[in-house]
C-alpha atoms as a PDB file:
ATOM      1  CA  MET A   1      -9.440  14.523  -7.855  1.00  0.00           C
ATOM      2  CA  SER A   2      -8.862  11.368  -9.844  1.00  0.00           C
ATOM      3  CA  GLU A   3     -10.421   8.151  -8.702  1.00  0.00           C
ATOM      4  CA  LYS A   4      -8.366   5.530  -6.945  1.00  0.00           C
ATOM      5  CA  LYS A   5      -8.244   2.006  -8.295  1.00  0.00           C
ATOM      6  CA  LYS A   6      -7.841  -1.148  -6.303  1.00  0.00           C
ATOM      7  CA  PHE A   7      -4.713  -3.180  -6.905  1.00  0.00           C
ATOM      8  CA  ASN A   8      -3.281  -6.362  -5.482  1.00  0.00           C
ATOM      9  CA  ILE A   9       0.276  -7.649  -5.185  1.00  0.00           C
ATOM     10  CA  GLU A  10       1.384 -10.981  -3.803  1.00  0.00           C
ATOM     11  CA  TYR A  11       4.771 -11.806  -2.312  1.00  0.00           C
ATOM     12  CA  GLU A  12       6.083 -15.228  -1.428  1.00  0.00           C
ATOM     13  CA  ILE A  13       7.344 -15.234   2.143  1.00  0.00           C
ATOM     14  CA  LYS A  14       9.135 -18.082   3.837  1.00  0.00           C
ATOM     15  CA  SER A  15       7.625 -17.728   7.286  1.00  0.00           C
ATOM     16  CA  SER A  16       4.910 -19.293   9.387  1.00  0.00           C
ATOM     17  CA  PRO A  17       1.604 -17.416   9.263  1.00  0.00           C
ATOM     18  CA  ARG A  18       1.757 -16.928  13.043  1.00  0.00           C
ATOM     19  CA  ILE A  19       5.139 -15.200  12.966  1.00  0.00           C
ATOM     20  CA  LEU A  20       4.267 -13.169   9.880  1.00  0.00           C
ATOM     21  CA  TYR A  21       0.989 -12.060  11.470  1.00  0.00           C
ATOM     22  CA  SER A  22       2.776 -10.451  14.414  1.00  0.00           C
ATOM     23  CA  PHE A  23       4.574  -8.190  11.909  1.00  0.00           C
ATOM     24  CA  LEU A  24       1.223  -7.127  10.409  1.00  0.00           C
ATOM     25  CA  ASN A  25      -0.766  -6.129  13.474  1.00  0.00           C
ATOM     26  CA  GLU A  26       1.595  -5.474  16.391  1.00  0.00           C
ATOM     27  CA  PRO A  27       3.089  -1.968  16.639  1.00  0.00           C
ATOM     28  CA  ASN A  28       6.599  -3.261  17.367  1.00  0.00           C
ATOM     29  CA  GLY A  29       6.338  -5.699  14.444  1.00  0.00           C
ATOM     30  CA  LEU A  30       5.099  -3.000  12.059  1.00  0.00           C
ATOM     31  CA  THR A  31       7.845  -0.629  13.213  1.00  0.00           C
ATOM     32  CA  GLN A  32      10.455  -3.096  12.014  1.00  0.00           C
ATOM     33  CA  TRP A  33       9.431  -2.865   8.367  1.00  0.00           C
ATOM     34  CA  PHE A  34       6.357  -0.769   7.622  1.00  0.00           C
ATOM     35  CA  ALA A  35       6.809   2.613   9.291  1.00  0.00           C
ATOM     36  CA  ASP A  36       9.411   4.502  11.314  1.00  0.00           C
ATOM     37  CA  ASP A  37       7.126   4.456  14.335  1.00  0.00           C
ATOM     38  CA  VAL A  38       3.760   2.850  15.095  1.00  0.00           C
ATOM     39  CA  SER A  39       1.471   3.341  18.045  1.00  0.00           C
ATOM     40  CA  VAL A  40      -2.066   2.137  18.630  1.00  0.00           C
ATOM     41  CA  LYS A  41      -4.939   3.407  20.750  1.00  0.00           C
ATOM     42  CA  ASP A  42      -8.559   2.238  20.557  1.00  0.00           C
ATOM     43  CA  GLN A  43      -8.062   0.414  17.228  1.00  0.00           C
ATOM     44  CA  VAL A  44      -6.521   3.527  15.663  1.00  0.00           C
ATOM     45  CA  TYR A  45      -2.945   3.040  14.530  1.00  0.00           C
ATOM     46  CA  THR A  46      -0.653   6.029  14.115  1.00  0.00           C
ATOM     47  CA  PHE A  47       1.974   5.296  11.461  1.00  0.00           C
ATOM     48  CA  THR A  48       4.847   7.764  11.322  1.00  0.00           C
ATOM     49  CA  TRP A  49       7.185   8.243   8.366  1.00  0.00           C
ATOM     50  CA  ASP A  50       9.811  11.026   8.431  1.00  0.00           C
ATOM     51  CA  ASP A  51       8.064  12.645  11.431  1.00  0.00           C
ATOM     52  CA  GLU A  52       4.759  12.764   9.522  1.00  0.00           C
ATOM     53  CA  PRO A  53       2.062  10.860  11.434  1.00  0.00           C
ATOM     54  CA  GLN A  54      -0.835   9.268   9.559  1.00  0.00           C
ATOM     55  CA  LYS A  55      -3.731   7.615  11.333  1.00  0.00           C
ATOM     56  CA  ALA A  56      -5.519   4.501  10.179  1.00  0.00           C
ATOM     57  CA  LYS A  57      -8.333   2.606  11.827  1.00  0.00           C
ATOM     58  CA  LEU A  58      -8.135  -1.154  12.091  1.00  0.00           C
ATOM     59  CA  VAL A  59     -11.403  -2.144  10.414  1.00  0.00           C
ATOM     60  CA  SER A  60     -10.991  -5.881  10.020  1.00  0.00           C
ATOM     61  CA  ILE A  61      -8.821  -8.521  11.595  1.00  0.00           C
ATOM     62  CA  LYS A  62      -8.603 -12.304  11.366  1.00  0.00           C
ATOM     63  CA  GLU A  63      -6.011 -13.903  13.573  1.00  0.00           C
ATOM     64  CA  ASN A  64      -2.987 -15.249  11.675  1.00  0.00           C
ATOM     65  CA  LYS A  65      -4.804 -14.376   8.443  1.00  0.00           C
ATOM     66  CA  LEU A  66      -5.438 -10.713   7.683  1.00  0.00           C
ATOM     67  CA  VAL A  67      -5.521  -7.101   8.807  1.00  0.00           C
ATOM     68  CA  ARG A  68      -7.364  -4.290   7.052  1.00  0.00           C
ATOM     69  CA  PHE A  69      -6.816  -0.619   7.778  1.00  0.00           C
ATOM     70  CA  ARG A  70      -8.657   2.477   6.609  1.00  0.00           C
ATOM     71  CA  TRP A  71      -6.884   5.828   6.543  1.00  0.00           C
ATOM     72  CA  ILE A  72      -8.779   8.252   8.798  1.00  0.00           C
ATOM     73  CA  ASP A  73      -8.403  11.172   6.384  1.00  0.00           C
ATOM     74  CA  ASP A  74      -9.319   9.189   3.261  1.00  0.00           C
ATOM     75  CA  ASP A  75     -12.604   8.244   1.656  1.00  0.00           C
ATOM     76  CA  PRO A  76     -14.184   5.362   3.676  1.00  0.00           C
ATOM     77  CA  GLN A  77     -14.322   3.101   0.607  1.00  0.00           C
ATOM     78  CA  TYR A  78     -10.525   2.960   0.431  1.00  0.00           C
ATOM     79  CA  PHE A  79      -8.419   0.708   2.620  1.00  0.00           C
ATOM     80  CA  PHE A  80      -5.244  -1.278   2.619  1.00  0.00           C
ATOM     81  CA  GLU A  81      -5.185  -4.910   3.536  1.00  0.00           C
ATOM     82  CA  MET A  82      -2.431  -7.399   4.255  1.00  0.00           C
ATOM     83  CA  GLU A  83      -3.556 -10.998   3.966  1.00  0.00           C
ATOM     84  CA  ILE A  84      -1.582 -14.136   4.673  1.00  0.00           C
ATOM     85  CA  VAL A  85      -2.334 -16.743   2.042  1.00  0.00           C
ATOM     86  CA  GLN A  86      -1.202 -20.310   2.583  1.00  0.00           C
ATOM     87  CA  ASP A  87      -1.253 -22.861  -0.212  1.00  0.00           C
ATOM     88  CA  GLU A  88      -3.099 -25.944   1.021  1.00  0.00           C
ATOM     89  CA  LEU A  89      -0.965 -28.352  -0.989  1.00  0.00           C
ATOM     90  CA  THR A  90       2.526 -26.922  -0.629  1.00  0.00           C
ATOM     91  CA  ASN A  91       2.032 -24.918   2.602  1.00  0.00           C
ATOM     92  CA  ASP A  92       3.844 -22.053   0.845  1.00  0.00           C
ATOM     93  CA  VAL A  93       3.042 -18.751   2.493  1.00  0.00           C
ATOM     94  CA  ALA A  94       2.397 -15.543   0.595  1.00  0.00           C
ATOM     95  CA  LEU A  95       1.560 -12.032   1.680  1.00  0.00           C
ATOM     96  CA  SER A  96      -1.216 -10.545  -0.409  1.00  0.00           C
ATOM     97  CA  ILE A  97      -1.452  -6.747  -0.356  1.00  0.00           C
ATOM     98  CA  THR A  98      -4.593  -4.938  -1.445  1.00  0.00           C
ATOM     99  CA  ASP A  99      -4.375  -1.164  -1.732  1.00  0.00           C
ATOM    100  CA  PHE A 100      -5.782   1.745  -3.710  1.00  0.00           C
ATOM    101  CA  ALA A 101      -3.964   4.310  -5.816  1.00  0.00           C
ATOM    102  CA  THR A 102      -4.735   6.843  -8.503  1.00  0.00           C
ATOM    103  CA  GLU A 103      -3.571   6.124 -12.034  1.00  0.00           C
ATOM    104  CA  ASP A 104      -0.624   8.496 -11.669  1.00  0.00           C
ATOM    105  CA  THR A 105       0.517   7.157  -8.260  1.00  0.00           C
ATOM    106  CA  LEU A 106      -0.001   3.444  -8.937  1.00  0.00           C
ATOM    107  CA  ASN A 107       3.593   2.681  -9.919  1.00  0.00           C
ATOM    108  CA  ASP A 108       4.928   4.581  -6.907  1.00  0.00           C
ATOM    109  CA  ARG A 109       2.581   2.735  -4.541  1.00  0.00           C
ATOM    110  CA  ARG A 110       3.655  -0.621  -5.971  1.00  0.00           C
ATOM    111  CA  LEU A 111       7.292   0.347  -5.605  1.00  0.00           C
ATOM    112  CA  ILE A 112       6.740   1.387  -1.990  1.00  0.00           C
ATOM    113  CA  TRP A 113       5.119  -1.972  -1.208  1.00  0.00           C
ATOM    114  CA  ASP A 114       7.915  -3.814  -3.048  1.00  0.00           C
ATOM    115  CA  ASN A 115      10.511  -2.027  -0.937  1.00  0.00           C
ATOM    116  CA  GLN A 116       8.644  -2.415   2.357  1.00  0.00           C
ATOM    117  CA  VAL A 117       7.968  -6.128   1.827  1.00  0.00           C
ATOM    118  CA  GLU A 118      11.564  -6.695   0.757  1.00  0.00           C
ATOM    119  CA  TYR A 119      12.517  -5.121   4.079  1.00  0.00           C
ATOM    120  CA  LEU A 120      10.016  -7.344   5.913  1.00  0.00           C
ATOM    121  CA  ILE A 121      11.524 -10.446   4.290  1.00  0.00           C
ATOM    122  CA  SER A 122      15.005  -9.423   5.435  1.00  0.00           C
ATOM    123  CA  VAL A 123      13.719  -8.771   8.984  1.00  0.00           C
ATOM    124  CA  LEU A 124      12.078 -12.199   9.021  1.00  0.00           C
ATOM    125  CA  GLY A 125      15.277 -13.710   7.679  1.00  0.00           C
ATOM    126  CA  ALA A 126      13.057 -15.538   5.217  1.00  0.00           C
END
């Protein structure tokens, strides 16, 4: 099995951190852009795509700032994180995504994030 590498992508999003945050950690917010269905029980989120559920544990959370999930069936060192970054001077808001992918899946993972975040931006009307 080839080793996964950490990567980071940042997207400019015209939204307040508070509104954006609700789309990152609330099941009904996540359902609108990230997965077909999302449920949560005891800090474990079940994300469903095309009737295929995948479970991730919420391992870190900072209100209006970031959420970090770890896939239950993946190596504990891997996670995906969505962080809201606000420029102190301009107040511009960006969504910073940190994820892991193998060399041969990296481009696909980036494309998936690009598409999902594009969808999020349209949902936000940003």
